[in-house]
């Protein structure tokens, strides 16, 4: 009788919990685009990537995509392609609010390795940026790359490392040791 009561209580708890056992993610909602909006392209092989912007002390944003049940597709919005870069992996392009602290949070999870790097910067009007997380499982490292997309003298688009950027890593360089999930 006790076992039956315990099973019924467990079943009632599951049934009444509704969506509380489902993922409850907030997603980044791109701001309205203007002629001088800054743009960011996030090129990544991560499980989850988020964009947050803080305006007047209020933080807004969330995931741009997730490998969980709730998916938001990555997308091409027409940003210039950088010479020599391959864009055959997932990437996401979006306008941002200029002059506002922006955090790009990259998470890498694969097999037994994981890492998280937060990159903070303030996007400037009309500029274009590219962020990428590269994982090296052989050396158990991941590295965030933050760049501005600029045109060279020949009209080719190139990546120029961002100077005014803060990485949420122990050494501030954008490189972090991976954690083992074993």
C-alpha atoms as a PDB file:
ATOM      1  CA  UNK A   1       0.000   0.000   0.000  1.00  0.00           C
ATOM      2  CA  UNK A   2       2.848   2.380   0.874  1.00  0.00           C
ATOM      3  CA  UNK A   3       4.524   1.626  -2.476  1.00  0.00           C
ATOM      4  CA  UNK A   4       1.298   2.342  -4.373  1.00  0.00           C
ATOM      5  CA  UNK A   5       0.818   5.608  -2.486  1.00  0.00           C
ATOM      6  CA  UNK A   6       4.456   6.637  -3.163  1.00  0.00           C
ATOM      7  CA  UNK A   7       4.110   5.808  -6.894  1.00  0.00           C
ATOM      8  CA  UNK A   8       0.844   7.751  -7.139  1.00  0.00           C
ATOM      9  CA  UNK A   9       2.425  10.741  -5.391  1.00  0.00           C
ATOM     10  CA  UNK A  10       5.390  10.630  -7.795  1.00  0.00           C
ATOM     11  CA  UNK A  11       3.038  10.433 -10.810  1.00  0.00           C
ATOM     12  CA  UNK A  12       0.909  13.337  -9.507  1.00  0.00           C
ATOM     13  CA  UNK A  13       4.032  15.447  -9.019  1.00  0.00           C
ATOM     14  CA  UNK A  14       5.177  14.799 -12.594  1.00  0.00           C
ATOM     15  CA  UNK A  15       1.750  15.511 -14.070  1.00  0.00           C
ATOM     16  CA  UNK A  16       1.205  18.738 -12.136  1.00  0.00           C
ATOM     17  CA  UNK A  17       4.707  20.082 -12.770  1.00  0.00           C
ATOM     18  CA  UNK A  18       3.745  20.786 -16.399  1.00  0.00           C
ATOM     19  CA  UNK A  19       6.421  22.693 -18.271  1.00  0.00           C
ATOM     20  CA  UNK A  20       8.665  23.044 -15.240  1.00  0.00           C
ATOM     21  CA  UNK A  21      10.537  19.916 -16.331  1.00  0.00           C
ATOM     22  CA  UNK A  22      10.976  21.278 -19.862  1.00  0.00           C
ATOM     23  CA  UNK A  23      13.760  23.743 -20.734  1.00  0.00           C
ATOM     24  CA  UNK A  24      12.772  27.326 -19.963  1.00  0.00           C
ATOM     25  CA  UNK A  25      15.273  29.304 -22.014  1.00  0.00           C
ATOM     26  CA  UNK A  26      15.167  32.982 -22.843  1.00  0.00           C
ATOM     27  CA  UNK A  27      16.368  33.879 -26.321  1.00  0.00           C
ATOM     28  CA  UNK A  28      18.137  36.959 -27.652  1.00  0.00           C
ATOM     29  CA  UNK A  29      15.705  39.175 -29.548  1.00  0.00           C
ATOM     30  CA  UNK A  30      17.566  41.299 -32.114  1.00  0.00           C
ATOM     31  CA  UNK A  31      16.985  45.054 -31.827  1.00  0.00           C
ATOM     32  CA  UNK A  32      15.428  46.982 -34.684  1.00  0.00           C
ATOM     33  CA  UNK A  33      18.000  47.606 -37.378  1.00  0.00           C
ATOM     34  CA  UNK A  34      19.019  51.176 -38.256  1.00  0.00           C
ATOM     35  CA  UNK A  35      21.374  52.514 -40.946  1.00  0.00           C
ATOM     36  CA  UNK A  36      24.225  52.765 -38.448  1.00  0.00           C
ATOM     37  CA  UNK A  37      23.554  49.621 -36.394  1.00  0.00           C
ATOM     38  CA  UNK A  38      26.632  47.657 -35.399  1.00  0.00           C
ATOM     39  CA  UNK A  39      26.474  44.014 -36.473  1.00  0.00           C
ATOM     40  CA  UNK A  40      27.971  40.860 -35.016  1.00  0.00           C
ATOM     41  CA  UNK A  41      28.546  37.458 -36.565  1.00  0.00           C
ATOM     42  CA  UNK A  42      29.025  34.598 -34.142  1.00  0.00           C
ATOM     43  CA  UNK A  43      30.813  31.655 -35.731  1.00  0.00           C
ATOM     44  CA  UNK A  44      30.891  28.741 -33.380  1.00  0.00           C
ATOM     45  CA  UNK A  45      30.798  25.054 -32.750  1.00  0.00           C
ATOM     46  CA  UNK A  46      29.272  25.488 -29.329  1.00  0.00           C
ATOM     47  CA  UNK A  47      26.330  23.824 -27.678  1.00  0.00           C
ATOM     48  CA  UNK A  48      24.970  27.144 -26.435  1.00  0.00           C
ATOM     49  CA  UNK A  49      25.827  30.745 -27.280  1.00  0.00           C
ATOM     50  CA  UNK A  50      24.176  33.784 -25.730  1.00  0.00           C
ATOM     51  CA  UNK A  51      24.159  37.543 -26.330  1.00  0.00           C
ATOM     52  CA  UNK A  52      23.334  39.959 -23.509  1.00  0.00           C
ATOM     53  CA  UNK A  53      23.250  43.753 -23.641  1.00  0.00           C
ATOM     54  CA  UNK A  54      23.048  45.975 -20.562  1.00  0.00           C
ATOM     55  CA  UNK A  55      21.284  49.338 -20.954  1.00  0.00           C
ATOM     56  CA  UNK A  56      20.625  51.615 -17.969  1.00  0.00           C
ATOM     57  CA  UNK A  57      21.452  48.764 -15.596  1.00  0.00           C
ATOM     58  CA  UNK A  58      18.940  46.403 -17.202  1.00  0.00           C
ATOM     59  CA  UNK A  59      20.313  43.242 -18.793  1.00  0.00           C
ATOM     60  CA  UNK A  60      18.415  41.668 -21.687  1.00  0.00           C
ATOM     61  CA  UNK A  61      19.160  38.851 -24.085  1.00  0.00           C
ATOM     62  CA  UNK A  62      19.604  35.113 -24.034  1.00  0.00           C
ATOM     63  CA  UNK A  63      20.466  32.160 -26.220  1.00  0.00           C
ATOM     64  CA  UNK A  64      20.857  32.572 -29.965  1.00  0.00           C
ATOM     65  CA  UNK A  65      20.573  28.832 -30.403  1.00  0.00           C
ATOM     66  CA  UNK A  66      20.610  25.729 -28.272  1.00  0.00           C
ATOM     67  CA  UNK A  67      21.060  22.018 -28.716  1.00  0.00           C
ATOM     68  CA  UNK A  68      18.204  21.362 -26.311  1.00  0.00           C
ATOM     69  CA  UNK A  69      14.627  20.767 -27.446  1.00  0.00           C
ATOM     70  CA  UNK A  70      14.020  24.455 -28.107  1.00  0.00           C
ATOM     71  CA  UNK A  71      15.951  25.520 -31.219  1.00  0.00           C
ATOM     72  CA  UNK A  72      16.503  28.876 -32.865  1.00  0.00           C
ATOM     73  CA  UNK A  73      18.201  28.628 -36.240  1.00  0.00           C
ATOM     74  CA  UNK A  74      21.454  30.346 -36.996  1.00  0.00           C
ATOM     75  CA  UNK A  75      21.131  32.739 -39.898  1.00  0.00           C
ATOM     76  CA  UNK A  76      22.888  34.733 -42.588  1.00  0.00           C
ATOM     77  CA  UNK A  77      21.759  38.367 -42.662  1.00  0.00           C
ATOM     78  CA  UNK A  78      24.161  39.557 -45.392  1.00  0.00           C
ATOM     79  CA  UNK A  79      27.236  40.631 -43.443  1.00  0.00           C
ATOM     80  CA  UNK A  80      30.415  40.756 -45.558  1.00  0.00           C
ATOM     81  CA  UNK A  81      32.347  37.497 -45.744  1.00  0.00           C
ATOM     82  CA  UNK A  82      35.992  37.605 -44.681  1.00  0.00           C
ATOM     83  CA  UNK A  83      38.572  36.531 -47.270  1.00  0.00           C
ATOM     84  CA  UNK A  84      39.889  33.031 -46.564  1.00  0.00           C
ATOM     85  CA  UNK A  85      37.310  32.195 -43.872  1.00  0.00           C
ATOM     86  CA  UNK A  86      35.053  29.163 -44.246  1.00  0.00           C
ATOM     87  CA  UNK A  87      31.388  29.732 -43.499  1.00  0.00           C
ATOM     88  CA  UNK A  88      30.219  26.138 -43.886  1.00  0.00           C
ATOM     89  CA  UNK A  89      29.594  25.790 -40.135  1.00  0.00           C
ATOM     90  CA  UNK A  90      26.876  27.401 -38.064  1.00  0.00           C
ATOM     91  CA  UNK A  91      26.956  31.147 -37.736  1.00  0.00           C
ATOM     92  CA  UNK A  92      24.532  33.773 -36.564  1.00  0.00           C
ATOM     93  CA  UNK A  93      24.367  37.417 -37.681  1.00  0.00           C
ATOM     94  CA  UNK A  94      22.434  40.136 -35.890  1.00  0.00           C
ATOM     95  CA  UNK A  95      22.350  43.888 -35.340  1.00  0.00           C
ATOM     96  CA  UNK A  96      23.164  45.193 -31.851  1.00  0.00           C
ATOM     97  CA  UNK A  97      22.405  48.340 -29.892  1.00  0.00           C
ATOM     98  CA  UNK A  98      25.465  50.651 -30.223  1.00  0.00           C
ATOM     99  CA  UNK A  99      27.293  52.045 -27.192  1.00  0.00           C
ATOM    100  CA  UNK A 100      25.950  49.393 -24.822  1.00  0.00           C
ATOM    101  CA  UNK A 101      28.036  46.823 -22.946  1.00  0.00           C
ATOM    102  CA  UNK A 102      27.548  43.528 -24.756  1.00  0.00           C
ATOM    103  CA  UNK A 103      28.460  40.066 -23.521  1.00  0.00           C
ATOM    104  CA  UNK A 104      28.948  37.171 -25.922  1.00  0.00           C
ATOM    105  CA  UNK A 105      28.888  33.933 -23.933  1.00  0.00           C
ATOM    106  CA  UNK A 106      30.286  30.884 -25.727  1.00  0.00           C
ATOM    107  CA  UNK A 107      29.957  27.399 -24.279  1.00  0.00           C
ATOM    108  CA  UNK A 108      31.682  24.346 -25.713  1.00  0.00           C
ATOM    109  CA  UNK A 109      30.430  20.894 -24.691  1.00  0.00           C
ATOM    110  CA  UNK A 110      31.492  17.740 -26.453  1.00  0.00           C
ATOM    111  CA  UNK A 111      32.110  14.265 -25.190  1.00  0.00           C
ATOM    112  CA  UNK A 112      34.009  14.645 -21.936  1.00  0.00           C
ATOM    113  CA  UNK A 113      35.157  18.273 -22.403  1.00  0.00           C
ATOM    114  CA  UNK A 114      33.509  21.620 -21.733  1.00  0.00           C
ATOM    115  CA  UNK A 115      34.436  25.268 -21.332  1.00  0.00           C
ATOM    116  CA  UNK A 116      32.737  28.647 -21.084  1.00  0.00           C
ATOM    117  CA  UNK A 117      34.187  32.018 -22.106  1.00  0.00           C
ATOM    118  CA  UNK A 118      32.420  35.360 -21.744  1.00  0.00           C
ATOM    119  CA  UNK A 119      33.655  38.180 -23.977  1.00  0.00           C
ATOM    120  CA  UNK A 120      32.568  41.764 -23.203  1.00  0.00           C
ATOM    121  CA  UNK A 121      32.825  44.771 -25.509  1.00  0.00           C
ATOM    122  CA  UNK A 122      30.946  47.929 -26.490  1.00  0.00           C
ATOM    123  CA  UNK A 123      29.857  47.868 -30.154  1.00  0.00           C
ATOM    124  CA  UNK A 124      30.300  51.108 -32.088  1.00  0.00           C
ATOM    125  CA  UNK A 125      27.841  52.524 -34.613  1.00  0.00           C
ATOM    126  CA  UNK A 126      28.231  51.108 -38.112  1.00  0.00           C
ATOM    127  CA  UNK A 127      30.983  48.621 -37.256  1.00  0.00           C
ATOM    128  CA  UNK A 128      30.923  44.901 -37.965  1.00  0.00           C
ATOM    129  CA  UNK A 129      32.300  42.245 -35.631  1.00  0.00           C
ATOM    130  CA  UNK A 130      33.000  38.530 -35.648  1.00  0.00           C
ATOM    131  CA  UNK A 131      33.332  36.276 -32.587  1.00  0.00           C
ATOM    132  CA  UNK A 132      34.408  32.661 -32.640  1.00  0.00           C
ATOM    133  CA  UNK A 133      35.176  29.967 -30.093  1.00  0.00           C
ATOM    134  CA  UNK A 134      37.831  27.462 -31.140  1.00  0.00           C
ATOM    135  CA  UNK A 135      38.265  24.210 -29.249  1.00  0.00           C
ATOM    136  CA  UNK A 136      41.450  22.138 -29.090  1.00  0.00           C
ATOM    137  CA  UNK A 137      40.578  18.873 -27.344  1.00  0.00           C
ATOM    138  CA  UNK A 138      44.104  17.504 -27.935  1.00  0.00           C
ATOM    139  CA  UNK A 139      45.542  20.204 -25.638  1.00  0.00           C
ATOM    140  CA  UNK A 140      42.356  20.664 -23.561  1.00  0.00           C
ATOM    141  CA  UNK A 141      42.078  24.360 -24.444  1.00  0.00           C
ATOM    142  CA  UNK A 142      39.459  26.642 -25.887  1.00  0.00           C
ATOM    143  CA  UNK A 143      40.001  30.184 -27.116  1.00  0.00           C
ATOM    144  CA  UNK A 144      37.628  33.019 -27.904  1.00  0.00           C
ATOM    145  CA  UNK A 145      38.487  35.226 -30.870  1.00  0.00           C
ATOM    146  CA  UNK A 146      36.974  38.733 -31.003  1.00  0.00           C
ATOM    147  CA  UNK A 147      37.529  40.714 -34.194  1.00  0.00           C
ATOM    148  CA  UNK A 148      36.317  43.710 -36.135  1.00  0.00           C
ATOM    149  CA  UNK A 149      35.563  43.078 -39.813  1.00  0.00           C
ATOM    150  CA  UNK A 150      37.345  45.759 -41.871  1.00  0.00           C
ATOM    151  CA  UNK A 151      38.098  46.333 -45.537  1.00  0.00           C
ATOM    152  CA  UNK A 152      41.744  46.428 -46.602  1.00  0.00           C
ATOM    153  CA  UNK A 153      43.194  48.683 -49.334  1.00  0.00           C
ATOM    154  CA  UNK A 154      42.197  46.130 -51.998  1.00  0.00           C
ATOM    155  CA  UNK A 155      38.552  46.057 -50.879  1.00  0.00           C
ATOM    156  CA  UNK A 156      38.893  42.611 -49.258  1.00  0.00           C
ATOM    157  CA  UNK A 157      37.232  41.995 -45.907  1.00  0.00           C
ATOM    158  CA  UNK A 158      39.665  41.053 -43.134  1.00  0.00           C
ATOM    159  CA  UNK A 159      39.538  40.267 -39.401  1.00  0.00           C
ATOM    160  CA  UNK A 160      41.259  42.784 -37.133  1.00  0.00           C
ATOM    161  CA  UNK A 161      41.629  41.705 -33.476  1.00  0.00           C
ATOM    162  CA  UNK A 162      39.511  43.838 -31.141  1.00  0.00           C
ATOM    163  CA  UNK A 163      41.532  45.942 -28.724  1.00  0.00           C
ATOM    164  CA  UNK A 164      38.851  47.056 -26.265  1.00  0.00           C
ATOM    165  CA  UNK A 165      37.544  43.670 -25.241  1.00  0.00           C
ATOM    166  CA  UNK A 166      37.451  41.874 -21.894  1.00  0.00           C
ATOM    167  CA  UNK A 167      37.612  38.102 -21.688  1.00  0.00           C
ATOM    168  CA  UNK A 168      36.143  36.288 -18.700  1.00  0.00           C
ATOM    169  CA  UNK A 169      39.131  33.992 -18.312  1.00  0.00           C
ATOM    170  CA  UNK A 170      41.622  33.607 -15.494  1.00  0.00           C
ATOM    171  CA  UNK A 171      44.435  35.266 -17.438  1.00  0.00           C
ATOM    172  CA  UNK A 172      42.289  37.699 -19.455  1.00  0.00           C
ATOM    173  CA  UNK A 173      43.680  36.400 -22.767  1.00  0.00           C
ATOM    174  CA  UNK A 174      40.601  34.628 -24.100  1.00  0.00           C
ATOM    175  CA  UNK A 175      42.156  31.183 -23.584  1.00  0.00           C
ATOM    176  CA  UNK A 176      40.777  28.763 -21.033  1.00  0.00           C
ATOM    177  CA  UNK A 177      41.563  25.204 -19.984  1.00  0.00           C
ATOM    178  CA  UNK A 178      38.753  22.788 -20.736  1.00  0.00           C
ATOM    179  CA  UNK A 179      37.027  21.020 -17.909  1.00  0.00           C
ATOM    180  CA  UNK A 180      36.711  17.274 -17.966  1.00  0.00           C
ATOM    181  CA  UNK A 181      33.167  15.995 -17.429  1.00  0.00           C
ATOM    182  CA  UNK A 182      34.327  12.587 -16.314  1.00  0.00           C
END
